[in-house]
């Protein structure tokens, strides 16, 4: 099973290429949709790495794949600027999920 990167910047793409992960750099919604459609046709791809920026800007495109397909798994990764999440996002997520304040 292979991984494939869909990134919004060349630096993340270059770093992943050095690690042996193939991918593409896109910037617009239609480019993202086209890249996803192309990689979904490849049965050998089991994990799609996607930068957090796309999940924030185009959640409907990403969520459609997450909700309607078992494979490939979509994993959101931070880009070279770091994560866009708040420092306590895990605690907040747990609080929201189970209703307990930690």
Protein backbone atom coordinates (compact mmCIF):
# COMPACT_ATOMS: atom_id res chain seq x y z
CA UNK A 1 0.00 0.00 0.00
CA UNK A 2 1.30 3.43 -0.93
CA UNK A 3 0.93 6.93 0.44
CA UNK A 4 0.19 9.94 -1.73
CA UNK A 5 0.48 13.63 -0.81
CA UNK A 6 -1.81 16.45 -1.87
CA UNK A 7 -0.15 19.66 -0.68
CA UNK A 8 -0.68 23.37 -1.00
CA UNK A 9 3.02 24.22 -0.91
CA UNK A 10 6.21 23.06 -2.57
CA UNK A 11 8.20 22.75 0.68
CA UNK A 12 5.93 20.05 2.11
CA UNK A 13 5.89 18.29 -1.24
CA UNK A 14 9.71 18.37 -1.47
CA UNK A 15 10.12 17.00 2.05
CA UNK A 16 7.72 14.15 1.40
CA UNK A 17 9.39 13.36 -1.94
CA UNK A 18 12.69 13.03 -0.08
CA UNK A 19 10.94 10.49 2.17
CA UNK A 20 9.74 8.56 -0.89
CA UNK A 21 6.12 9.75 -0.97
CA UNK A 22 4.76 10.76 -4.37
CA UNK A 23 2.33 13.64 -4.61
CA UNK A 24 1.12 16.82 -6.21
CA UNK A 25 0.94 20.53 -5.35
CA UNK A 26 -2.42 22.23 -5.92
CA UNK A 27 -3.88 25.56 -4.85
CA UNK A 28 -7.52 25.85 -5.95
CA UNK A 29 -10.67 23.90 -5.07
CA UNK A 30 -11.07 22.49 -8.59
CA UNK A 31 -7.42 21.38 -8.63
CA UNK A 32 -7.91 19.65 -5.27
CA UNK A 33 -11.04 17.88 -6.53
CA UNK A 34 -9.25 16.74 -9.70
CA UNK A 35 -6.21 15.50 -7.73
CA UNK A 36 -8.46 13.56 -5.35
CA UNK A 37 -10.43 12.03 -8.22
CA UNK A 38 -7.19 10.94 -9.91
CA UNK A 39 -5.68 9.37 -6.79
CA UNK A 40 -8.94 7.59 -5.90
CA UNK A 41 -8.61 5.67 -9.16
CA UNK A 42 -5.26 4.25 -8.02
CA UNK A 43 -6.01 1.08 -6.04
CA UNK A 44 -2.45 0.86 -4.69
CA UNK A 45 -2.85 4.12 -2.70
CA UNK A 46 -4.05 3.34 0.82
CA UNK A 47 -3.28 6.65 2.55
CA UNK A 48 -3.72 10.17 1.23
CA UNK A 49 -1.75 12.79 3.13
CA UNK A 50 -3.36 16.20 2.82
CA UNK A 51 -2.29 19.50 4.35
CA UNK A 52 -4.52 20.98 7.06
CA UNK A 53 -5.14 24.08 4.98
CA UNK A 54 -7.29 22.08 2.54
CA UNK A 55 -9.35 20.60 5.35
CA UNK A 56 -10.06 24.08 6.69
CA UNK A 57 -10.76 25.71 3.32
CA UNK A 58 -12.58 22.90 1.48
CA UNK A 59 -14.08 20.59 4.13
CA UNK A 60 -16.92 19.47 1.85
CA UNK A 61 -14.47 17.97 -0.66
CA UNK A 62 -12.43 16.14 1.98
CA UNK A 63 -15.43 15.02 4.07
CA UNK A 64 -17.11 13.52 1.00
CA UNK A 65 -14.20 11.10 0.59
CA UNK A 66 -13.92 10.41 4.34
CA UNK A 67 -17.61 9.63 4.74
CA UNK A 68 -18.28 7.70 1.55
CA UNK A 69 -15.18 5.49 1.21
CA UNK A 70 -13.39 3.01 3.43
CA UNK A 71 -10.14 3.40 1.54
CA UNK A 72 -7.99 5.32 1.11
CA UNK A 73 -7.56 6.79 4.56
CA UNK A 74 -7.15 10.58 4.55
CA UNK A 75 -4.65 11.93 7.07
CA UNK A 76 -4.36 15.67 7.64
CA UNK A 77 -0.82 16.87 8.22
CA UNK A 78 0.55 20.28 9.19
CA UNK A 79 2.46 22.17 6.54
CA UNK A 80 5.79 23.95 6.94
CA UNK A 81 4.12 26.71 8.96
CA UNK A 82 3.08 24.25 11.64
CA UNK A 83 -0.33 23.16 12.74
CA UNK A 84 -3.35 25.41 12.55
CA UNK A 85 -4.83 23.84 15.66
CA UNK A 86 -5.01 25.38 19.09
CA UNK A 87 -2.43 24.10 21.58
CA UNK A 88 -5.12 22.33 23.64
CA UNK A 89 -7.06 20.82 20.73
CA UNK A 90 -6.79 17.25 22.06
CA UNK A 91 -8.20 18.18 25.46
CA UNK A 92 -10.98 20.21 23.85
CA UNK A 93 -11.79 17.31 21.52
CA UNK A 94 -12.04 14.87 24.45
CA UNK A 95 -14.16 17.32 26.45
CA UNK A 96 -16.55 17.67 23.54
CA UNK A 97 -16.64 13.95 22.77
CA UNK A 98 -17.34 12.61 26.26
CA UNK A 99 -18.81 15.66 27.95
CA UNK A 100 -16.29 15.73 30.78
CA UNK A 101 -14.03 18.60 31.62
CA UNK A 102 -10.45 17.43 32.04
